[in-house]
Amino acid sequence: MFKVHGSPYQQVGVPDLLVGYKGRFYAMEVKQPGGVMSPVQTKTIEAIRASGSVAGRVESVEEAVALLDV
């Protein structure tokens, strides 16, 4: 798992967590409760899903674990 956050050199819109788990790729955009994804974050999540990988917005550890069960 890679945490991608906080570097001024990173590409805008890359999800916060990039995970390889059981042979699949997962991308998670971590938000505070009620937080909203930017348009570029939404577009990136949609593109990752369109590629056949699992991606989504999560607010808690429980939501992240649930996403891994997809």
PDB file of N, CA and C in Angstrom:
ATOM      1  N   MET A   1       0.849  -1.166   0.000  1.00  0.00           N
ATOM      2  CA  MET A   1       0.000   0.000   0.000  1.00  0.00           C
ATOM      3  C   MET A   1       0.896   1.230   0.000  1.00  0.00           C
ATOM      4  N   PHE A   2       0.479   2.237  -0.734  1.00  0.00           N
ATOM      5  CA  PHE A   2       1.174   3.505  -0.780  1.00  0.00           C
ATOM      6  C   PHE A   2       0.230   4.606  -0.330  1.00  0.00           C
ATOM      7  N   LYS A   3       0.695   5.488   0.518  1.00  0.00           N
ATOM      8  CA  LYS A   3      -0.061   6.667   0.902  1.00  0.00           C
ATOM      9  C   LYS A   3       0.472   7.802   0.041  1.00  0.00           C
ATOM     10  N   VAL A   4      -0.409   8.419  -0.699  1.00  0.00           N
ATOM     11  CA  VAL A   4      -0.018   9.501  -1.596  1.00  0.00           C
ATOM     12  C   VAL A   4      -0.720  10.760  -1.116  1.00  0.00           C
ATOM     13  N   HIS A   5       0.044  11.621  -0.448  1.00  0.00           N
ATOM     14  CA  HIS A   5      -0.609  12.811   0.087  1.00  0.00           C
ATOM     15  C   HIS A   5       0.445  13.805   0.559  1.00  0.00           C
ATOM     16  N   GLY A   6       0.237  15.041   0.233  1.00  0.00           N
ATOM     17  CA  GLY A   6       1.035  16.087   0.837  1.00  0.00           C
ATOM     18  C   GLY A   6       2.281  16.538   0.095  1.00  0.00           C
ATOM     19  N   SER A   7       2.563  15.993  -1.062  1.00  0.00           N
ATOM     20  CA  SER A   7       3.748  16.431  -1.784  1.00  0.00           C
ATOM     21  C   SER A   7       3.362  17.477  -2.825  1.00  0.00           C
ATOM     22  N   PRO A   8       4.098  18.574  -2.889  1.00  0.00           N
ATOM     23  CA  PRO A   8       3.796  19.565  -3.916  1.00  0.00           C
ATOM     24  C   PRO A   8       4.141  19.063  -5.319  1.00  0.00           C
ATOM     25  N   TYR A   9       4.818  17.916  -5.414  1.00  0.00           N
ATOM     26  CA  TYR A   9       5.235  17.374  -6.704  1.00  0.00           C
ATOM     27  C   TYR A   9       4.293  16.307  -7.245  1.00  0.00           C
ATOM     28  N   GLN A  10       3.320  15.890  -6.452  1.00  0.00           N
ATOM     29  CA  GLN A  10       2.431  14.834  -6.923  1.00  0.00           C
ATOM     30  C   GLN A  10       1.410  15.384  -7.908  1.00  0.00           C
ATOM     31  N   GLN A  11       0.957  14.521  -8.775  1.00  0.00           N
ATOM     32  CA  GLN A  11      -0.057  14.898  -9.750  1.00  0.00           C
ATOM     33  C   GLN A  11      -1.384  15.136  -9.047  1.00  0.00           C
ATOM     34  N   VAL A  12      -2.089  16.174  -9.427  1.00  0.00           N
ATOM     35  CA  VAL A  12      -3.382  16.502  -8.842  1.00  0.00           C
ATOM     36  C   VAL A  12      -4.386  15.398  -9.178  1.00  0.00           C
ATOM     37  N   GLY A  13      -5.181  15.000  -8.172  1.00  0.00           N
ATOM     38  CA  GLY A  13      -6.248  14.032  -8.393  1.00  0.00           C
ATOM     39  C   GLY A  13      -5.899  12.601  -8.066  1.00  0.00           C
ATOM     40  N   VAL A  14      -4.622  12.303  -7.808  1.00  0.00           N
ATOM     41  CA  VAL A  14      -4.232  10.931  -7.466  1.00  0.00           C
ATOM     42  C   VAL A  14      -4.850  10.591  -6.111  1.00  0.00           C
ATOM     43  N   PRO A  15      -5.566   9.449  -6.003  1.00  0.00           N
ATOM     44  CA  PRO A  15      -6.171   9.071  -4.729  1.00  0.00           C
ATOM     45  C   PRO A  15      -5.132   8.956  -3.611  1.00  0.00           C
ATOM     46  N   ASP A  16      -5.597   9.153  -2.375  1.00  0.00           N
ATOM     47  CA  ASP A  16      -4.711   9.149  -1.214  1.00  0.00           C
ATOM     48  C   ASP A  16      -4.068   7.799  -0.935  1.00  0.00           C
ATOM     49  N   LEU A  17      -4.804   6.720  -1.147  1.00  0.00           N
ATOM     50  CA  LEU A  17      -4.281   5.373  -0.894  1.00  0.00           C
ATOM     51  C   LEU A  17      -4.326   4.551  -2.177  1.00  0.00           C
ATOM     52  N   LEU A  18      -3.189   3.983  -2.541  1.00  0.00           N
ATOM     53  CA  LEU A  18      -3.088   3.081  -3.688  1.00  0.00           C
ATOM     54  C   LEU A  18      -2.702   1.730  -3.119  1.00  0.00           C
ATOM     55  N   VAL A  19      -3.550   0.734  -3.337  1.00  0.00           N
ATOM     56  CA  VAL A  19      -3.411  -0.549  -2.645  1.00  0.00           C
ATOM     57  C   VAL A  19      -3.399  -1.703  -3.635  1.00  0.00           C
ATOM     58  N   GLY A  20      -2.452  -2.606  -3.465  1.00  0.00           N
ATOM     59  CA  GLY A  20      -2.474  -3.890  -4.153  1.00  0.00           C
ATOM     60  C   GLY A  20      -2.871  -4.929  -3.123  1.00  0.00           C
ATOM     61  N   TYR A  21      -3.967  -5.642  -3.364  1.00  0.00           N
ATOM     62  CA  TYR A  21      -4.482  -6.600  -2.383  1.00  0.00           C
ATOM     63  C   TYR A  21      -5.089  -7.785  -3.114  1.00  0.00           C
ATOM     64  N   LYS A  22      -4.577  -8.965  -2.804  1.00  0.00           N
ATOM     65  CA  LYS A  22      -5.069 -10.208  -3.413  1.00  0.00           C
ATOM     66  C   LYS A  22      -5.105 -10.125  -4.940  1.00  0.00           C
ATOM     67  N   GLY A  23      -4.060  -9.528  -5.505  1.00  0.00           N
ATOM     68  CA  GLY A  23      -3.936  -9.480  -6.953  1.00  0.00           C
ATOM     69  C   GLY A  23      -4.773  -8.422  -7.650  1.00  0.00           C
ATOM     70  N   ARG A  24      -5.390  -7.529  -6.902  1.00  0.00           N
ATOM     71  CA  ARG A  24      -6.197  -6.468  -7.506  1.00  0.00           C
ATOM     72  C   ARG A  24      -5.659  -5.106  -7.089  1.00  0.00           C
ATOM     73  N   PHE A  25      -5.993  -4.100  -7.876  1.00  0.00           N
ATOM     74  CA  PHE A  25      -5.613  -2.730  -7.589  1.00  0.00           C
ATOM     75  C   PHE A  25      -6.814  -1.982  -7.028  1.00  0.00           C
ATOM     76  N   TYR A  26      -6.583  -1.268  -5.937  1.00  0.00           N
ATOM     77  CA  TYR A  26      -7.617  -0.469  -5.281  1.00  0.00           C
ATOM     78  C   TYR A  26      -7.089   0.950  -5.103  1.00  0.00           C
ATOM     79  N   ALA A  27      -7.959   1.922  -5.259  1.00  0.00           N
ATOM     80  CA  ALA A  27      -7.603   3.315  -5.031  1.00  0.00           C
ATOM     81  C   ALA A  27      -8.659   3.922  -4.114  1.00  0.00           C
ATOM     82  N   MET A  28      -8.206   4.630  -3.078  1.00  0.00           N
ATOM     83  CA  MET A  28      -9.135   5.206  -2.111  1.00  0.00           C
ATOM     84  C   MET A  28      -8.839   6.679  -1.897  1.00  0.00           C
ATOM     85  N   GLU A  29      -9.857   7.482  -2.061  1.00  0.00           N
ATOM     86  CA  GLU A  29      -9.769   8.902  -1.746  1.00  0.00           C
ATOM     87  C   GLU A  29     -10.336   9.070  -0.342  1.00  0.00           C
ATOM     88  N   VAL A  30      -9.493   9.473   0.601  1.00  0.00           N
ATOM     89  CA  VAL A  30      -9.886   9.584   2.006  1.00  0.00           C
ATOM     90  C   VAL A  30     -10.392  11.001   2.273  1.00  0.00           C
ATOM     91  N   LYS A  31     -11.585  11.062   2.855  1.00  0.00           N
ATOM     92  CA  LYS A  31     -12.196  12.359   3.177  1.00  0.00           C
ATOM     93  C   LYS A  31     -12.712  12.353   4.609  1.00  0.00           C
ATOM     94  N   GLN A  32     -12.764  13.531   5.195  1.00  0.00           N
ATOM     95  CA  GLN A  32     -13.424  13.704   6.485  1.00  0.00           C
ATOM     96  C   GLN A  32     -14.919  13.484   6.261  1.00  0.00           C
ATOM     97  N   PRO A  33     -15.663  13.094   7.305  1.00  0.00           N
ATOM     98  CA  PRO A  33     -17.112  12.941   7.136  1.00  0.00           C
ATOM     99  C   PRO A  33     -17.735  14.185   6.510  1.00  0.00           C
ATOM    100  N   GLY A  34     -18.465  13.966   5.444  1.00  0.00           N
ATOM    101  CA  GLY A  34     -19.108  15.062   4.728  1.00  0.00           C
ATOM    102  C   GLY A  34     -18.215  15.769   3.725  1.00  0.00           C
ATOM    103  N   GLY A  35     -16.934  15.394   3.681  1.00  0.00           N
ATOM    104  CA  GLY A  35     -16.007  16.018   2.734  1.00  0.00           C
ATOM    105  C   GLY A  35     -16.387  15.701   1.296  1.00  0.00           C
ATOM    106  N   VAL A  36     -16.062  16.588   0.406  1.00  0.00           N
ATOM    107  CA  VAL A  36     -16.445  16.456  -1.002  1.00  0.00           C
ATOM    108  C   VAL A  36     -15.194  16.311  -1.862  1.00  0.00           C
ATOM    109  N   MET A  37     -15.256  15.386  -2.829  1.00  0.00           N
ATOM    110  CA  MET A  37     -14.151  15.226  -3.771  1.00  0.00           C
ATOM    111  C   MET A  37     -14.200  16.351  -4.797  1.00  0.00           C
ATOM    112  N   SER A  38     -13.030  16.761  -5.242  1.00  0.00           N
ATOM    113  CA  SER A  38     -12.951  17.773  -6.300  1.00  0.00           C
ATOM    114  C   SER A  38     -13.341  17.119  -7.631  1.00  0.00           C
ATOM    115  N   PRO A  39     -13.662  17.930  -8.631  1.00  0.00           N
ATOM    116  CA  PRO A  39     -13.995  17.352  -9.936  1.00  0.00           C
ATOM    117  C   PRO A  39     -12.875  16.464 -10.501  1.00  0.00           C
ATOM    118  N   VAL A  40     -11.615  16.858 -10.332  1.00  0.00           N
ATOM    119  CA  VAL A  40     -10.517  16.037 -10.857  1.00  0.00           C
ATOM    120  C   VAL A  40     -10.393  14.723 -10.070  1.00  0.00           C
ATOM    121  N   GLN A  41     -10.653  14.748  -8.771  1.00  0.00           N
ATOM    122  CA  GLN A  41     -10.633  13.509  -7.985  1.00  0.00           C
ATOM    123  C   GLN A  41     -11.752  12.571  -8.438  1.00  0.00           C
ATOM    124  N   THR A  42     -12.932  13.125  -8.665  1.00  0.00           N
ATOM    125  CA  THR A  42     -14.064  12.316  -9.136  1.00  0.00           C
ATOM    126  C   THR A  42     -13.748  11.700 -10.494  1.00  0.00           C
ATOM    127  N   LYS A  43     -13.206  12.482 -11.402  1.00  0.00           N
ATOM    128  CA  LYS A  43     -12.861  11.982 -12.736  1.00  0.00           C
ATOM    129  C   LYS A  43     -11.803  10.883 -12.646  1.00  0.00           C
ATOM    130  N   THR A  44     -10.825  11.037 -11.763  1.00  0.00           N
ATOM    131  CA  THR A  44      -9.777  10.031 -11.605  1.00  0.00           C
ATOM    132  C   THR A  44     -10.355   8.727 -11.068  1.00  0.00           C
ATOM    133  N   ILE A  45     -11.224   8.810 -10.056  1.00  0.00           N
ATOM    134  CA  ILE A  45     -11.862   7.613  -9.501  1.00  0.00           C
ATOM    135  C   ILE A  45     -12.671   6.914 -10.591  1.00  0.00           C
ATOM    136  N   GLU A  46     -13.411   7.662 -11.390  1.00  0.00           N
ATOM    137  CA  GLU A  46     -14.203   7.078 -12.486  1.00  0.00           C
ATOM    138  C   GLU A  46     -13.302   6.392 -13.507  1.00  0.00           C
ATOM    139  N   ALA A  47     -12.164   6.995 -13.834  1.00  0.00           N
ATOM    140  CA  ALA A  47     -11.235   6.399 -14.802  1.00  0.00           C
ATOM    141  C   ALA A  47     -10.636   5.103 -14.258  1.00  0.00           C
ATOM    142  N   ILE A  48     -10.324   5.083 -12.982  1.00  0.00           N
ATOM    143  CA  ILE A  48      -9.779   3.856 -12.379  1.00  0.00           C
ATOM    144  C   ILE A  48     -10.824   2.755 -12.411  1.00  0.00           C
ATOM    145  N   ARG A  49     -12.066   3.085 -12.079  1.00  0.00           N
ATOM    146  CA  ARG A  49     -13.154   2.089 -12.147  1.00  0.00           C
ATOM    147  C   ARG A  49     -13.338   1.583 -13.580  1.00  0.00           C
ATOM    148  N   ALA A  50     -13.274   2.496 -14.548  1.00  0.00           N
ATOM    149  CA  ALA A  50     -13.461   2.112 -15.955  1.00  0.00           C
ATOM    150  C   ALA A  50     -12.371   1.152 -16.426  1.00  0.00           C
ATOM    151  N   SER A  51     -11.219   1.191 -15.773  1.00  0.00           N
ATOM    152  CA  SER A  51     -10.125   0.290 -16.149  1.00  0.00           C
ATOM    153  C   SER A  51     -10.301  -1.110 -15.575  1.00  0.00           C
ATOM    154  N   GLY A  52     -11.331  -1.288 -14.738  1.00  0.00           N
ATOM    155  CA  GLY A  52     -11.578  -2.596 -14.143  1.00  0.00           C
ATOM    156  C   GLY A  52     -11.068  -2.743 -12.727  1.00  0.00           C
ATOM    157  N   SER A  53     -10.504  -1.687 -12.184  1.00  0.00           N
ATOM    158  CA  SER A  53     -10.028  -1.718 -10.804  1.00  0.00           C
ATOM    159  C   SER A  53     -11.115  -1.196  -9.877  1.00  0.00           C
ATOM    160  N   VAL A  54     -10.867  -1.284  -8.584  1.00  0.00           N
ATOM    161  CA  VAL A  54     -11.832  -0.846  -7.582  1.00  0.00           C
ATOM    162  C   VAL A  54     -11.355   0.488  -7.020  1.00  0.00           C
ATOM    163  N   ALA A  55     -12.248   1.461  -6.974  1.00  0.00           N
ATOM    164  CA  ALA A  55     -11.881   2.778  -6.467  1.00  0.00           C
ATOM    165  C   ALA A  55     -13.091   3.418  -5.811  1.00  0.00           C
ATOM    166  N   GLY A  56     -12.819   4.252  -4.810  1.00  0.00           N
ATOM    167  CA  GLY A  56     -13.920   4.936  -4.159  1.00  0.00           C
ATOM    168  C   GLY A  56     -13.452   5.921  -3.118  1.00  0.00           C
ATOM    169  N   ARG A  57     -14.419   6.604  -2.571  1.00  0.00           N
ATOM    170  CA  ARG A  57     -14.220   7.592  -1.517  1.00  0.00           C
ATOM    171  C   ARG A  57     -14.520   6.903  -0.192  1.00  0.00           C
ATOM    172  N   VAL A  58     -13.647   7.075   0.790  1.00  0.00           N
ATOM    173  CA  VAL A  58     -13.856   6.460   2.100  1.00  0.00           C
ATOM    174  C   VAL A  58     -13.687   7.511   3.191  1.00  0.00           C
ATOM    175  N   GLU A  59     -14.447   7.314   4.270  1.00  0.00           N
ATOM    176  CA  GLU A  59     -14.387   8.217   5.424  1.00  0.00           C
ATOM    177  C   GLU A  59     -13.869   7.522   6.675  1.00  0.00           C
ATOM    178  N   SER A  60     -13.718   6.201   6.631  1.00  0.00           N
ATOM    179  CA  SER A  60     -13.326   5.468   7.834  1.00  0.00           C
ATOM    180  C   SER A  60     -12.566   4.208   7.459  1.00  0.00           C
ATOM    181  N   VAL A  61     -11.937   3.629   8.463  1.00  0.00           N
ATOM    182  CA  VAL A  61     -11.247   2.345   8.258  1.00  0.00           C
ATOM    183  C   VAL A  61     -12.270   1.294   7.826  1.00  0.00           C
ATOM    184  N   GLU A  62     -13.442   1.337   8.419  1.00  0.00           N
ATOM    185  CA  GLU A  62     -14.476   0.361   8.084  1.00  0.00           C
ATOM    186  C   GLU A  62     -14.889   0.471   6.613  1.00  0.00           C
ATOM    187  N   GLU A  63     -15.003   1.678   6.101  1.00  0.00           N
ATOM    188  CA  GLU A  63     -15.349   1.856   4.692  1.00  0.00           C
ATOM    189  C   GLU A  63     -14.214   1.370   3.787  1.00  0.00           C
ATOM    190  N   ALA A  64     -12.980   1.604   4.205  1.00  0.00           N
ATOM    191  CA  ALA A  64     -11.830   1.130   3.412  1.00  0.00           C
ATOM    192  C   ALA A  64     -11.819  -0.396   3.352  1.00  0.00           C
ATOM    193  N   VAL A  65     -12.051  -1.046   4.481  1.00  0.00           N
ATOM    194  CA  VAL A  65     -12.088  -2.508   4.527  1.00  0.00           C
ATOM    195  C   VAL A  65     -13.232  -3.032   3.673  1.00  0.00           C
ATOM    196  N   ALA A  66     -14.389  -2.379   3.737  1.00  0.00           N
ATOM    197  CA  ALA A  66     -15.531  -2.790   2.918  1.00  0.00           C
ATOM    198  C   ALA A  66     -15.208  -2.675   1.435  1.00  0.00           C
ATOM    199  N   LEU A  67     -14.470  -1.640   1.042  1.00  0.00           N
ATOM    200  CA  LEU A  67     -14.087  -1.479  -0.362  1.00  0.00           C
ATOM    201  C   LEU A  67     -13.189  -2.618  -0.809  1.00  0.00           C
ATOM    202  N   LEU A  68     -12.338  -3.116   0.100  1.00  0.00           N
ATOM    203  CA  LEU A  68     -11.467  -4.243  -0.231  1.00  0.00           C
ATOM    204  C   LEU A  68     -12.252  -5.531  -0.435  1.00  0.00           C
ATOM    205  N   ASP A  69     -13.457  -5.604   0.085  1.00  0.00           N
ATOM    206  CA  ASP A  69     -14.287  -6.803  -0.061  1.00  0.00           C
ATOM    207  C   ASP A  69     -15.077  -6.827  -1.352  1.00  0.00           C
ATOM    208  N   VAL A  70     -14.962  -5.771  -2.179  1.00  0.00           N
ATOM    209  CA  VAL A  70     -15.706  -5.703  -3.450  1.00  0.00           C
ATOM    210  C   VAL A  70     -15.147  -6.726  -4.412  1.00  0.00           C
TER     211      VAL A  70
END
